[in-house]
Amino acid sequence: MAKLRKLTLLALVLGFMGTATADTLDVAPDENAARPTRGMKQDVVESKFGIPQSRDAAIGDPPISRWEYRDFVVFFEYDRVIHAVIKR
């Protein structure tokens, strides 16, 4: 009888342990999300996407500057977009 109780208790403990599970949802950025395209001028980017959260001054030759928005970062050469990167 004691062996049956131990087996029953073990089955209950293992049963409760098996029910505690969780799923992980890994959300990837939307690669098709709206963002500036190569060649856009700075004034067009600002009119279409609003004022950026921050602007880094141009450095180097040719001068490369960076504007940071909530969902993406835009890189300019002179006043033209050369790349827009989605944040992860």
N, C-alpha and C. Protein backbone atom coordinates (compact mmCIF):
# COMPACT_ATOMS: atom_id res chain seq x y z
N MET A 1 0.82 -1.20 0.00
CA MET A 1 0.00 0.00 0.00
C MET A 1 0.86 1.27 0.00
N ALA A 2 1.95 1.28 0.75
CA ALA A 2 2.84 2.43 0.81
C ALA A 2 3.49 2.67 -0.55
N LYS A 3 3.81 1.59 -1.26
CA LYS A 3 4.42 1.73 -2.59
C LYS A 3 3.43 2.37 -3.57
N LEU A 4 2.15 2.01 -3.46
CA LEU A 4 1.13 2.59 -4.32
C LEU A 4 0.97 4.09 -4.04
N ARG A 5 1.03 4.50 -2.76
CA ARG A 5 0.93 5.91 -2.40
C ARG A 5 2.12 6.69 -2.98
N LYS A 6 3.31 6.11 -2.86
CA LYS A 6 4.50 6.79 -3.39
C LYS A 6 4.41 6.96 -4.90
N LEU A 7 3.95 5.94 -5.59
CA LEU A 7 3.81 6.02 -7.05
C LEU A 7 2.75 7.05 -7.44
N THR A 8 1.64 7.08 -6.68
CA THR A 8 0.58 8.04 -6.95
C THR A 8 1.09 9.47 -6.73
N LEU A 9 1.80 9.68 -5.62
CA LEU A 9 2.36 10.99 -5.33
C LEU A 9 3.37 11.41 -6.40
N LEU A 10 4.23 10.48 -6.82
CA LEU A 10 5.20 10.78 -7.86
C LEU A 10 4.50 11.14 -9.18
N ALA A 11 3.44 10.42 -9.53
CA ALA A 11 2.70 10.70 -10.75
C ALA A 11 2.05 12.08 -10.69
N LEU A 12 1.51 12.45 -9.53
CA LEU A 12 0.91 13.77 -9.37
C LEU A 12 1.95 14.88 -9.50
N VAL A 13 3.11 14.70 -8.87
CA VAL A 13 4.17 15.72 -8.93
C VAL A 13 4.66 15.87 -10.36
N LEU A 14 4.92 14.77 -11.04
CA LEU A 14 5.38 14.84 -12.43
C LEU A 14 4.30 15.42 -13.34
N GLY A 15 3.06 15.14 -13.06
CA GLY A 15 1.96 15.69 -13.85
C GLY A 15 1.87 17.20 -13.73
N PHE A 16 2.05 17.73 -12.52
CA PHE A 16 2.02 19.18 -12.33
C PHE A 16 3.24 19.85 -12.98
N MET A 17 4.38 19.20 -12.93
CA MET A 17 5.57 19.77 -13.52
C MET A 17 5.44 19.85 -15.04
N GLY A 18 4.76 18.90 -15.63
CA GLY A 18 4.62 18.87 -17.08
C GLY A 18 3.64 19.90 -17.62
N THR A 19 2.79 20.46 -16.77
CA THR A 19 1.79 21.41 -17.26
C THR A 19 2.29 22.85 -17.30
N ALA A 20 3.39 23.16 -16.66
CA ALA A 20 3.91 24.53 -16.64
C ALA A 20 4.81 24.74 -17.86
N THR A 21 4.20 25.25 -18.92
CA THR A 21 4.96 25.51 -20.14
C THR A 21 4.68 26.93 -20.61
N ALA A 22 5.56 27.42 -21.46
CA ALA A 22 5.37 28.77 -22.02
C ALA A 22 5.87 28.77 -23.45
N ASP A 23 5.27 29.62 -24.25
CA ASP A 23 5.71 29.79 -25.63
C ASP A 23 6.48 31.10 -25.74
N THR A 24 7.49 31.10 -26.57
CA THR A 24 8.25 32.31 -26.82
C THR A 24 7.91 32.81 -28.21
N LEU A 25 7.52 34.06 -28.29
CA LEU A 25 7.18 34.66 -29.56
C LEU A 25 8.28 35.65 -29.93
N ASP A 26 9.01 35.34 -30.98
CA ASP A 26 10.09 36.20 -31.44
C ASP A 26 9.58 36.99 -32.63
N VAL A 27 9.42 38.29 -32.43
CA VAL A 27 8.85 39.14 -33.47
C VAL A 27 9.98 39.78 -34.27
N ALA A 28 10.00 39.48 -35.54
CA ALA A 28 11.00 40.07 -36.43
C ALA A 28 10.44 41.37 -37.00
N PRO A 29 11.31 42.32 -37.26
CA PRO A 29 10.82 43.56 -37.85
C PRO A 29 10.22 43.32 -39.23
N ASP A 30 9.25 44.12 -39.58
CA ASP A 30 8.59 44.00 -40.88
C ASP A 30 9.50 44.58 -41.97
N GLU A 31 10.05 43.70 -42.78
CA GLU A 31 10.97 44.13 -43.83
C GLU A 31 10.28 45.01 -44.88
N ASN A 32 8.94 44.95 -44.93
CA ASN A 32 8.20 45.75 -45.91
C ASN A 32 7.66 47.05 -45.31
N ALA A 33 8.06 47.35 -44.07
CA ALA A 33 7.58 48.56 -43.42
C ALA A 33 8.04 49.80 -44.20
N ALA A 34 7.23 50.82 -44.14
CA ALA A 34 7.55 52.06 -44.86
C ALA A 34 8.80 52.69 -44.27
N ARG A 35 9.72 53.01 -45.13
CA ARG A 35 10.94 53.71 -44.75
C ARG A 35 11.48 54.43 -45.98
N PRO A 36 12.36 55.39 -45.78
CA PRO A 36 12.89 56.13 -46.93
C PRO A 36 13.62 55.23 -47.92
N THR A 37 13.57 55.62 -49.17
CA THR A 37 14.25 54.85 -50.21
C THR A 37 15.49 55.60 -50.69
N ARG A 38 16.40 54.84 -51.25
CA ARG A 38 17.67 55.40 -51.74
C ARG A 38 17.40 56.55 -52.71
N GLY A 39 18.15 57.64 -52.51
CA GLY A 39 18.04 58.79 -53.39
C GLY A 39 17.11 59.88 -52.92
N MET A 40 16.25 59.58 -51.92
CA MET A 40 15.35 60.62 -51.39
C MET A 40 16.17 61.75 -50.79
N LYS A 41 15.68 62.98 -50.95
CA LYS A 41 16.34 64.13 -50.34
C LYS A 41 15.88 64.28 -48.89
N GLN A 42 16.70 64.92 -48.08
CA GLN A 42 16.39 65.08 -46.66
C GLN A 42 15.06 65.77 -46.42
N ASP A 43 14.75 66.81 -47.18
CA ASP A 43 13.49 67.52 -46.97
C ASP A 43 12.28 66.63 -47.29
N VAL A 44 12.42 65.74 -48.27
CA VAL A 44 11.33 64.81 -48.60
C VAL A 44 11.17 63.78 -47.48
N VAL A 45 12.29 63.28 -46.95
CA VAL A 45 12.23 62.32 -45.83
C VAL A 45 11.53 62.96 -44.64
N GLU A 46 11.90 64.19 -44.32
CA GLU A 46 11.29 64.86 -43.17
C GLU A 46 9.81 65.14 -43.39
N SER A 47 9.43 65.51 -44.60
CA SER A 47 8.01 65.77 -44.86
C SER A 47 7.18 64.49 -44.85
N LYS A 48 7.77 63.39 -45.28
CA LYS A 48 7.04 62.13 -45.35
C LYS A 48 7.03 61.35 -44.03
N PHE A 49 8.13 61.41 -43.27
CA PHE A 49 8.26 60.59 -42.06
C PHE A 49 8.31 61.41 -40.77
N GLY A 50 8.30 62.73 -40.89
CA GLY A 50 8.30 63.58 -39.71
C GLY A 50 9.71 63.91 -39.24
N ILE A 51 9.76 64.64 -38.14
CA ILE A 51 11.04 65.05 -37.56
C ILE A 51 11.68 63.84 -36.88
N PRO A 52 12.96 63.57 -37.14
CA PRO A 52 13.61 62.42 -36.51
C PRO A 52 13.81 62.63 -35.01
N GLN A 53 13.96 61.53 -34.27
CA GLN A 53 14.22 61.61 -32.83
C GLN A 53 15.58 62.24 -32.57
N SER A 54 16.54 61.94 -33.44
CA SER A 54 17.87 62.55 -33.31
C SER A 54 18.53 62.65 -34.67
N ARG A 55 19.46 63.61 -34.76
CA ARG A 55 20.22 63.81 -35.99
C ARG A 55 21.70 63.87 -35.61
N ASP A 56 22.51 63.05 -36.25
CA ASP A 56 23.96 63.11 -36.05
C ASP A 56 24.55 63.95 -37.17
N ALA A 57 25.47 64.81 -36.81
CA ALA A 57 26.11 65.70 -37.78
C ALA A 57 26.90 64.89 -38.80
N ALA A 58 27.04 65.45 -39.98
CA ALA A 58 27.79 64.80 -41.06
C ALA A 58 29.27 64.73 -40.70
N ILE A 59 29.87 63.57 -41.00
CA ILE A 59 31.30 63.39 -40.79
C ILE A 59 31.91 62.74 -42.03
N GLY A 60 33.20 62.95 -42.23
CA GLY A 60 33.92 62.29 -43.30
C GLY A 60 33.84 63.02 -44.63
N ASP A 61 34.44 62.38 -45.63
CA ASP A 61 34.44 62.92 -46.99
C ASP A 61 34.22 61.76 -47.95
N PRO A 62 33.08 61.61 -48.55
CA PRO A 62 31.95 62.54 -48.55
C PRO A 62 31.26 62.55 -47.18
N PRO A 63 30.57 63.64 -46.86
CA PRO A 63 29.92 63.74 -45.56
C PRO A 63 28.73 62.78 -45.43
N ILE A 64 28.77 61.97 -44.37
CA ILE A 64 27.69 61.01 -44.09
C ILE A 64 27.03 61.44 -42.79
N SER A 65 25.71 61.61 -42.84
CA SER A 65 24.95 61.96 -41.63
C SER A 65 23.92 60.87 -41.37
N ARG A 66 23.37 60.93 -40.16
CA ARG A 66 22.44 59.87 -39.74
C ARG A 66 21.27 60.49 -39.00
N TRP A 67 20.05 60.07 -39.37
CA TRP A 67 18.84 60.46 -38.67
C TRP A 67 18.23 59.22 -38.06
N GLU A 68 17.82 59.32 -36.81
CA GLU A 68 17.23 58.17 -36.14
C GLU A 68 15.75 58.40 -35.88
N TYR A 69 14.95 57.47 -36.36
CA TYR A 69 13.50 57.45 -36.12
C TYR A 69 13.20 56.30 -35.17
N ARG A 70 11.96 56.19 -34.74
CA ARG A 70 11.58 55.14 -33.79
C ARG A 70 11.85 53.74 -34.35
N ASP A 71 11.49 53.49 -35.61
CA ASP A 71 11.59 52.14 -36.17
C ASP A 71 12.75 51.93 -37.13
N PHE A 72 13.41 52.99 -37.53
CA PHE A 72 14.50 52.84 -38.50
C PHE A 72 15.51 53.97 -38.37
N VAL A 73 16.67 53.78 -39.00
CA VAL A 73 17.73 54.78 -39.03
C VAL A 73 18.04 55.05 -40.50
N VAL A 74 18.20 56.33 -40.83
CA VAL A 74 18.46 56.74 -42.22
C VAL A 74 19.87 57.33 -42.32
N PHE A 75 20.63 56.89 -43.31
CA PHE A 75 21.96 57.42 -43.56
C PHE A 75 21.94 58.24 -44.84
N PHE A 76 22.53 59.41 -44.78
CA PHE A 76 22.57 60.32 -45.93
C PHE A 76 24.02 60.56 -46.36
N GLU A 77 24.21 60.70 -47.66
CA GLU A 77 25.45 61.22 -48.20
C GLU A 77 25.08 62.57 -48.80
N TYR A 78 25.69 63.61 -48.30
CA TYR A 78 25.26 64.97 -48.59
C TYR A 78 23.80 65.08 -48.15
N ASP A 79 22.86 65.29 -49.05
CA ASP A 79 21.46 65.43 -48.65
C ASP A 79 20.58 64.32 -49.23
N ARG A 80 21.21 63.21 -49.65
CA ARG A 80 20.46 62.10 -50.27
C ARG A 80 20.58 60.81 -49.44
N VAL A 81 19.47 60.08 -49.35
CA VAL A 81 19.46 58.79 -48.63
C VAL A 81 20.36 57.80 -49.36
N ILE A 82 21.25 57.17 -48.59
CA ILE A 82 22.04 56.08 -49.16
C ILE A 82 21.61 54.74 -48.58
N HIS A 83 20.99 54.78 -47.37
CA HIS A 83 20.54 53.52 -46.77
C HIS A 83 19.56 53.82 -45.64
N ALA A 84 18.55 52.97 -45.48
CA ALA A 84 17.62 53.06 -44.35
C ALA A 84 17.54 51.67 -43.72
N VAL A 85 17.83 51.60 -42.43
CA VAL A 85 17.94 50.32 -41.73
C VAL A 85 16.85 50.21 -40.68
N ILE A 86 16.14 49.08 -40.67
CA ILE A 86 15.11 48.82 -39.66
C ILE A 86 15.78 48.44 -38.35
N LYS A 87 15.32 49.02 -37.25
CA LYS A 87 15.86 48.66 -35.93
C LYS A 87 15.34 47.29 -35.52
N ARG A 88 16.14 46.58 -34.79
CA ARG A 88 15.71 45.28 -34.25
C ARG A 88 15.42 45.41 -32.79
